[in-house]
Amino acid sequence: MLSRGLSWLAAAFVGAVYGVAATIAHSFTLGPIPVGMILGAVACAALLVALRALTGDRWAALAAGVGMMALLLVISQRGPGGSIVVPNTPLGNIWMYVAAGIVMLIVAWPDTSRLRQLSATAAGPRGDGVRGVVD
């Protein structure tokens, strides 16, 4: 239980780092193309998918997603010096919804490992779905 809690804490920290980096980079554009937002979304999604796939645990991905969203919300507020990292612009608003949508989609994605195990046992030892047939 301790190792699982520590892994969730580490996932939240890594998610927070990714969230801060992507939030700072989200406003970079090349012409009309929001390159920073695209790269930030891909990086955050890749982290969450990797956590979900490697740990087999949606809770680790949720911890990283909570870390991302928490730091995104913290640095979106007006700072002590009056600076704002995520201004109230369409690009800033889209970034907040994109980041939240990525976290929700990856955490809520159904776990198909049990279905594969059930279909493998139902298929029998040969894997062709025919049981009890002797070669």
N, C-alpha and C. Protein backbone atom coordinates (compact mmCIF):
# COMPACT_ATOMS: atom_id res chain seq x y z
N MET A 1 0.82 -1.19 0.00
CA MET A 1 0.00 0.00 0.00
C MET A 1 0.87 1.27 0.00
N LEU A 2 1.99 1.21 0.73
CA LEU A 2 2.88 2.36 0.79
C LEU A 2 3.50 2.64 -0.58
N SER A 3 3.93 1.58 -1.26
CA SER A 3 4.55 1.78 -2.58
C SER A 3 3.55 2.32 -3.59
N ARG A 4 2.32 1.86 -3.50
CA ARG A 4 1.28 2.37 -4.40
C ARG A 4 1.01 3.85 -4.14
N GLY A 5 0.94 4.24 -2.89
CA GLY A 5 0.73 5.65 -2.54
C GLY A 5 1.89 6.52 -2.99
N LEU A 6 3.10 6.01 -2.82
CA LEU A 6 4.26 6.78 -3.28
C LEU A 6 4.30 6.89 -4.80
N SER A 7 3.87 5.84 -5.49
CA SER A 7 3.84 5.92 -6.96
C SER A 7 2.79 6.92 -7.42
N TRP A 8 1.66 7.00 -6.72
CA TRP A 8 0.65 8.00 -7.07
C TRP A 8 1.17 9.40 -6.80
N LEU A 9 1.91 9.57 -5.72
CA LEU A 9 2.50 10.87 -5.42
C LEU A 9 3.52 11.26 -6.48
N ALA A 10 4.35 10.32 -6.90
CA ALA A 10 5.31 10.59 -7.97
C ALA A 10 4.60 10.91 -9.28
N ALA A 11 3.52 10.19 -9.57
CA ALA A 11 2.75 10.46 -10.79
C ALA A 11 2.14 11.86 -10.75
N ALA A 12 1.65 12.27 -9.58
CA ALA A 12 1.08 13.62 -9.45
C ALA A 12 2.16 14.68 -9.66
N PHE A 13 3.36 14.43 -9.14
CA PHE A 13 4.46 15.38 -9.32
C PHE A 13 4.86 15.49 -10.79
N VAL A 14 5.01 14.35 -11.45
CA VAL A 14 5.39 14.36 -12.87
C VAL A 14 4.27 15.01 -13.70
N GLY A 15 3.04 14.72 -13.38
CA GLY A 15 1.91 15.36 -14.07
C GLY A 15 1.92 16.86 -13.87
N ALA A 16 2.27 17.30 -12.67
CA ALA A 16 2.34 18.74 -12.41
C ALA A 16 3.44 19.39 -13.25
N VAL A 17 4.57 18.72 -13.37
CA VAL A 17 5.66 19.26 -14.18
C VAL A 17 5.24 19.36 -15.64
N TYR A 18 4.64 18.30 -16.16
CA TYR A 18 4.16 18.33 -17.55
C TYR A 18 3.09 19.41 -17.73
N GLY A 19 2.20 19.52 -16.75
CA GLY A 19 1.14 20.53 -16.85
C GLY A 19 1.69 21.94 -16.88
N VAL A 20 2.69 22.22 -16.05
CA VAL A 20 3.30 23.55 -16.04
C VAL A 20 4.00 23.83 -17.36
N ALA A 21 4.78 22.86 -17.83
CA ALA A 21 5.50 23.06 -19.09
C ALA A 21 4.55 23.27 -20.26
N ALA A 22 3.52 22.46 -20.33
CA ALA A 22 2.56 22.59 -21.42
C ALA A 22 1.76 23.88 -21.32
N THR A 23 1.44 24.29 -20.11
CA THR A 23 0.68 25.53 -19.93
C THR A 23 1.51 26.75 -20.30
N ILE A 24 2.78 26.72 -19.97
CA ILE A 24 3.64 27.84 -20.36
C ILE A 24 3.82 27.88 -21.87
N ALA A 25 3.92 26.72 -22.49
CA ALA A 25 4.17 26.66 -23.94
C ALA A 25 2.90 26.77 -24.78
N HIS A 26 1.72 26.69 -24.19
CA HIS A 26 0.49 26.60 -24.97
C HIS A 26 0.25 27.81 -25.88
N SER A 27 0.78 28.95 -25.53
CA SER A 27 0.47 30.16 -26.30
C SER A 27 1.40 30.38 -27.49
N PHE A 28 2.40 29.51 -27.70
CA PHE A 28 3.30 29.66 -28.84
C PHE A 28 2.58 29.29 -30.13
N THR A 29 2.61 30.19 -31.08
CA THR A 29 1.97 29.94 -32.37
C THR A 29 2.94 30.24 -33.50
N LEU A 30 2.77 29.55 -34.59
CA LEU A 30 3.46 29.85 -35.84
C LEU A 30 2.37 30.25 -36.83
N GLY A 31 2.21 31.55 -36.99
CA GLY A 31 1.09 32.02 -37.81
C GLY A 31 -0.20 31.71 -37.08
N PRO A 32 -1.14 31.08 -37.77
CA PRO A 32 -2.41 30.74 -37.11
C PRO A 32 -2.39 29.38 -36.40
N ILE A 33 -1.27 28.66 -36.48
CA ILE A 33 -1.20 27.30 -35.92
C ILE A 33 -0.70 27.35 -34.48
N PRO A 34 -1.50 26.88 -33.52
CA PRO A 34 -1.07 26.87 -32.11
C PRO A 34 -0.14 25.70 -31.82
N VAL A 35 1.10 25.83 -32.21
CA VAL A 35 2.08 24.75 -32.08
C VAL A 35 2.29 24.36 -30.62
N GLY A 36 2.38 25.33 -29.74
CA GLY A 36 2.59 25.04 -28.33
C GLY A 36 1.45 24.24 -27.73
N MET A 37 0.22 24.57 -28.10
CA MET A 37 -0.92 23.84 -27.58
C MET A 37 -0.94 22.41 -28.10
N ILE A 38 -0.61 22.24 -29.37
CA ILE A 38 -0.59 20.90 -29.95
C ILE A 38 0.48 20.04 -29.30
N LEU A 39 1.68 20.58 -29.18
CA LEU A 39 2.77 19.81 -28.56
C LEU A 39 2.50 19.54 -27.08
N GLY A 40 1.95 20.53 -26.38
CA GLY A 40 1.62 20.33 -24.97
C GLY A 40 0.55 19.27 -24.78
N ALA A 41 -0.46 19.28 -25.65
CA ALA A 41 -1.52 18.27 -25.56
C ALA A 41 -0.98 16.88 -25.86
N VAL A 42 -0.12 16.78 -26.87
CA VAL A 42 0.46 15.48 -27.21
C VAL A 42 1.34 14.98 -26.05
N ALA A 43 2.13 15.85 -25.46
CA ALA A 43 3.01 15.45 -24.36
C ALA A 43 2.20 15.00 -23.15
N CYS A 44 1.18 15.76 -22.78
CA CYS A 44 0.36 15.40 -21.62
C CYS A 44 -0.39 14.10 -21.88
N ALA A 45 -0.94 13.94 -23.08
CA ALA A 45 -1.65 12.70 -23.41
C ALA A 45 -0.69 11.52 -23.41
N ALA A 46 0.50 11.70 -23.93
CA ALA A 46 1.48 10.61 -23.95
C ALA A 46 1.87 10.19 -22.54
N LEU A 47 2.04 11.16 -21.65
CA LEU A 47 2.36 10.81 -20.26
C LEU A 47 1.24 10.01 -19.62
N LEU A 48 0.02 10.45 -19.80
CA LEU A 48 -1.11 9.76 -19.18
C LEU A 48 -1.31 8.37 -19.77
N VAL A 49 -1.18 8.25 -21.08
CA VAL A 49 -1.32 6.94 -21.72
C VAL A 49 -0.21 6.01 -21.24
N ALA A 50 1.02 6.52 -21.14
CA ALA A 50 2.13 5.69 -20.68
C ALA A 50 1.91 5.23 -19.24
N LEU A 51 1.46 6.13 -18.39
CA LEU A 51 1.19 5.73 -17.00
C LEU A 51 0.09 4.68 -16.94
N ARG A 52 -0.93 4.88 -17.72
CA ARG A 52 -2.06 3.94 -17.73
C ARG A 52 -1.63 2.58 -18.26
N ALA A 53 -0.81 2.58 -19.31
CA ALA A 53 -0.38 1.31 -19.92
C ALA A 53 0.67 0.59 -19.08
N LEU A 54 1.61 1.33 -18.54
CA LEU A 54 2.71 0.70 -17.81
C LEU A 54 2.30 0.21 -16.43
N THR A 55 1.44 0.97 -15.77
CA THR A 55 1.03 0.55 -14.42
C THR A 55 -0.21 -0.33 -14.44
N GLY A 56 -1.00 -0.24 -15.51
CA GLY A 56 -2.25 -0.98 -15.55
C GLY A 56 -3.24 -0.45 -14.53
N ASP A 57 -3.06 0.77 -14.11
CA ASP A 57 -3.83 1.35 -13.02
C ASP A 57 -4.33 2.73 -13.44
N ARG A 58 -5.63 2.90 -13.50
CA ARG A 58 -6.17 4.20 -13.87
C ARG A 58 -5.93 5.25 -12.78
N TRP A 59 -5.67 4.80 -11.55
CA TRP A 59 -5.45 5.74 -10.45
C TRP A 59 -4.14 6.49 -10.59
N ALA A 60 -3.13 5.86 -11.16
CA ALA A 60 -1.86 6.55 -11.40
C ALA A 60 -2.06 7.64 -12.46
N ALA A 61 -2.81 7.31 -13.50
CA ALA A 61 -3.11 8.32 -14.53
C ALA A 61 -3.97 9.44 -13.94
N LEU A 62 -4.89 9.09 -13.06
CA LEU A 62 -5.71 10.12 -12.41
C LEU A 62 -4.86 11.03 -11.53
N ALA A 63 -3.92 10.46 -10.80
CA ALA A 63 -3.04 11.26 -9.95
C ALA A 63 -2.23 12.24 -10.80
N ALA A 64 -1.69 11.77 -11.93
CA ALA A 64 -0.94 12.66 -12.83
C ALA A 64 -1.86 13.72 -13.41
N GLY A 65 -3.08 13.34 -13.76
CA GLY A 65 -4.04 14.30 -14.30
C GLY A 65 -4.44 15.35 -13.28
N VAL A 66 -4.60 14.94 -12.04
CA VAL A 66 -4.92 15.91 -10.97
C VAL A 66 -3.75 16.86 -10.77
N GLY A 67 -2.53 16.34 -10.82
CA GLY A 67 -1.35 17.20 -10.72
C GLY A 67 -1.31 18.21 -11.87
N MET A 68 -1.60 17.74 -13.09
CA MET A 68 -1.63 18.65 -14.25
C MET A 68 -2.66 19.75 -14.06
N MET A 69 -3.87 19.35 -13.73
CA MET A 69 -4.96 20.32 -13.63
C MET A 69 -4.76 21.27 -12.45
N ALA A 70 -4.24 20.77 -11.35
CA ALA A 70 -4.02 21.63 -10.18
C ALA A 70 -3.02 22.73 -10.50
N LEU A 71 -1.89 22.35 -11.11
CA LEU A 71 -0.89 23.38 -11.43
C LEU A 71 -1.36 24.29 -12.55
N LEU A 72 -2.14 23.76 -13.49
CA LEU A 72 -2.70 24.61 -14.53
C LEU A 72 -3.59 25.69 -13.90
N LEU A 73 -4.41 25.29 -12.95
CA LEU A 73 -5.28 26.27 -12.30
C LEU A 73 -4.50 27.24 -11.43
N VAL A 74 -3.46 26.75 -10.76
CA VAL A 74 -2.67 27.63 -9.90
C VAL A 74 -1.95 28.70 -10.71
N ILE A 75 -1.29 28.30 -11.79
CA ILE A 75 -0.54 29.30 -12.55
C ILE A 75 -1.42 30.11 -13.49
N SER A 76 -2.71 29.76 -13.56
CA SER A 76 -3.63 30.57 -14.36
C SER A 76 -4.14 31.79 -13.59
N GLN A 77 -3.91 31.81 -12.30
CA GLN A 77 -4.36 32.94 -11.49
C GLN A 77 -3.37 34.09 -11.62
N ARG A 78 -3.82 35.27 -11.25
CA ARG A 78 -2.94 36.44 -11.27
C ARG A 78 -1.87 36.27 -10.20
N GLY A 79 -0.62 36.40 -10.63
CA GLY A 79 0.51 36.22 -9.72
C GLY A 79 0.70 37.43 -8.81
N PRO A 80 1.62 37.33 -7.84
CA PRO A 80 1.87 38.43 -6.92
C PRO A 80 2.34 39.70 -7.63
N GLY A 81 3.03 39.55 -8.74
CA GLY A 81 3.50 40.72 -9.48
C GLY A 81 2.49 41.19 -10.51
N GLY A 82 1.34 40.53 -10.58
CA GLY A 82 0.30 40.91 -11.52
C GLY A 82 0.38 40.17 -12.85
N SER A 83 1.34 39.26 -12.99
CA SER A 83 1.47 38.54 -14.26
C SER A 83 0.46 37.40 -14.34
N ILE A 84 0.09 37.07 -15.58
CA ILE A 84 -0.85 35.99 -15.85
C ILE A 84 -0.25 35.12 -16.93
N VAL A 85 -0.09 33.82 -16.65
CA VAL A 85 0.48 32.90 -17.63
C VAL A 85 -0.57 32.50 -18.66
N VAL A 86 -1.79 32.25 -18.21
CA VAL A 86 -2.88 31.88 -19.11
C VAL A 86 -3.87 33.04 -19.12
N PRO A 87 -3.75 33.92 -20.11
CA PRO A 87 -4.67 35.06 -20.15
C PRO A 87 -6.08 34.61 -20.56
N ASN A 88 -7.04 35.46 -20.31
CA ASN A 88 -8.43 35.17 -20.65
C ASN A 88 -8.65 35.47 -22.14
N THR A 89 -8.04 34.63 -22.96
CA THR A 89 -8.17 34.72 -24.41
C THR A 89 -8.78 33.41 -24.91
N PRO A 90 -9.24 33.39 -26.15
CA PRO A 90 -9.77 32.12 -26.66
C PRO A 90 -8.74 30.99 -26.60
N LEU A 91 -7.47 31.29 -26.89
CA LEU A 91 -6.44 30.26 -26.85
C LEU A 91 -6.24 29.72 -25.42
N GLY A 92 -6.25 30.62 -24.43
CA GLY A 92 -6.11 30.19 -23.04
C GLY A 92 -7.29 29.36 -22.58
N ASN A 93 -8.50 29.76 -22.96
CA ASN A 93 -9.69 29.00 -22.58
C ASN A 93 -9.72 27.64 -23.25
N ILE A 94 -9.33 27.60 -24.53
CA ILE A 94 -9.29 26.32 -25.23
C ILE A 94 -8.29 25.39 -24.56
N TRP A 95 -7.12 25.93 -24.17
CA TRP A 95 -6.11 25.09 -23.53
C TRP A 95 -6.65 24.46 -22.25
N MET A 96 -7.37 25.21 -21.44
CA MET A 96 -7.90 24.65 -20.20
C MET A 96 -8.86 23.50 -20.48
N TYR A 97 -9.73 23.66 -21.47
CA TYR A 97 -10.67 22.60 -21.80
C TYR A 97 -9.98 21.40 -22.46
N VAL A 98 -8.98 21.66 -23.29
CA VAL A 98 -8.25 20.57 -23.93
C VAL A 98 -7.52 19.73 -22.87
N ALA A 99 -6.86 20.38 -21.95
CA ALA A 99 -6.13 19.64 -20.90
C ALA A 99 -7.09 18.82 -20.04
N ALA A 100 -8.20 19.42 -19.65
CA ALA A 100 -9.18 18.68 -18.84
C ALA A 100 -9.79 17.53 -19.64
N GLY A 101 -10.05 17.75 -20.91
CA GLY A 101 -10.61 16.69 -21.75
C GLY A 101 -9.66 15.52 -21.93
N ILE A 102 -8.38 15.82 -22.08
CA ILE A 102 -7.38 14.74 -22.21
C ILE A 102 -7.36 13.90 -20.95
N VAL A 103 -7.33 14.55 -19.80
CA VAL A 103 -7.30 13.81 -18.53
C VAL A 103 -8.56 12.96 -18.39
N MET A 104 -9.71 13.54 -18.66
CA MET A 104 -10.97 12.79 -18.52
C MET A 104 -11.03 11.61 -19.48
N LEU A 105 -10.62 11.81 -20.71
CA LEU A 105 -10.69 10.75 -21.71
C LEU A 105 -9.78 9.57 -21.34
N ILE A 106 -8.56 9.86 -20.96
CA ILE A 106 -7.61 8.78 -20.69
C ILE A 106 -7.93 8.06 -19.39
N VAL A 107 -8.37 8.78 -18.39
CA VAL A 107 -8.71 8.14 -17.11
C VAL A 107 -9.99 7.32 -17.25
N ALA A 108 -10.96 7.80 -18.02
CA ALA A 108 -12.24 7.11 -18.14
C ALA A 108 -12.23 6.02 -19.21
N TRP A 109 -11.15 5.90 -19.99
CA TRP A 109 -11.11 4.89 -21.03
C TRP A 109 -11.27 3.50 -20.41
N PRO A 110 -12.13 2.66 -20.97
CA PRO A 110 -12.37 1.35 -20.34
C PRO A 110 -11.14 0.45 -20.38
N ASP A 111 -11.04 -0.39 -19.37
CA ASP A 111 -9.93 -1.34 -19.26
C ASP A 111 -10.31 -2.62 -20.01
N THR A 112 -9.61 -2.91 -21.08
CA THR A 112 -9.96 -4.07 -21.90
C THR A 112 -9.12 -5.30 -21.57
N SER A 113 -8.24 -5.22 -20.59
CA SER A 113 -7.39 -6.38 -20.28
C SER A 113 -8.22 -7.54 -19.76
N ARG A 114 -9.27 -7.28 -19.02
CA ARG A 114 -10.11 -8.36 -18.51
C ARG A 114 -10.87 -9.03 -19.65
N LEU A 115 -11.30 -8.24 -20.62
CA LEU A 115 -12.00 -8.81 -21.77
C LEU A 115 -11.08 -9.73 -22.57
N ARG A 116 -9.82 -9.32 -22.73
CA ARG A 116 -8.87 -10.17 -23.45
C ARG A 116 -8.62 -11.46 -22.68
N GLN A 117 -8.53 -11.40 -21.35
CA GLN A 117 -8.32 -12.60 -20.56
C GLN A 117 -9.52 -13.53 -20.67
N LEU A 118 -10.72 -12.97 -20.61
CA LEU A 118 -11.92 -13.80 -20.73
C LEU A 118 -12.02 -14.44 -22.10
N SER A 119 -11.72 -13.71 -23.14
CA SER A 119 -11.80 -14.29 -24.48
C SER A 119 -10.71 -15.33 -24.70
N ALA A 120 -9.56 -15.15 -24.07
CA ALA A 120 -8.48 -16.13 -24.20
C ALA A 120 -8.85 -17.43 -23.50
N THR A 121 -9.47 -17.35 -22.33
CA THR A 121 -9.86 -18.58 -21.63
C THR A 121 -11.05 -19.24 -22.31
N ALA A 122 -11.94 -18.47 -22.89
CA ALA A 122 -13.08 -19.04 -23.61
C ALA A 122 -12.64 -19.68 -24.92
N ALA A 123 -11.56 -19.20 -25.49
CA ALA A 123 -11.09 -19.73 -26.76
C ALA A 123 -10.45 -21.09 -26.62
N GLY A 124 -10.02 -21.44 -25.45
CA GLY A 124 -9.40 -22.74 -25.25
C GLY A 124 -7.90 -22.68 -25.44
N PRO A 125 -7.24 -23.81 -25.31
CA PRO A 125 -5.77 -23.81 -25.38
C PRO A 125 -5.23 -23.48 -26.77
N ARG A 126 -5.97 -23.79 -27.83
CA ARG A 126 -5.46 -23.51 -29.17
C ARG A 126 -5.73 -22.08 -29.59
N GLY A 127 -6.68 -21.41 -28.95
CA GLY A 127 -6.97 -20.03 -29.30
C GLY A 127 -7.91 -19.90 -30.48
N ASP A 128 -8.57 -21.01 -30.92
CA ASP A 128 -9.46 -20.91 -32.06
C ASP A 128 -10.93 -20.94 -31.68
N GLY A 129 -11.22 -21.01 -30.40
CA GLY A 129 -12.61 -20.99 -29.95
C GLY A 129 -13.24 -22.35 -29.87
N VAL A 130 -12.55 -23.39 -30.33
CA VAL A 130 -13.10 -24.75 -30.30
C VAL A 130 -12.51 -25.46 -29.10
N ARG A 131 -13.39 -25.96 -28.22
CA ARG A 131 -12.92 -26.64 -27.02
C ARG A 131 -13.14 -28.13 -27.15
N GLY A 132 -12.21 -28.86 -26.65
CA GLY A 132 -12.36 -30.30 -26.55
C GLY A 132 -12.10 -31.06 -27.85
N VAL A 133 -11.63 -30.43 -28.86
CA VAL A 133 -11.33 -31.10 -30.10
C VAL A 133 -9.90 -31.60 -30.06
N VAL A 134 -9.71 -32.89 -30.38
CA VAL A 134 -8.38 -33.48 -30.38
C VAL A 134 -7.83 -33.42 -31.79
N ASP A 135 -6.58 -33.03 -31.91
CA ASP A 135 -5.96 -32.95 -33.24
C ASP A 135 -5.64 -34.30 -33.79
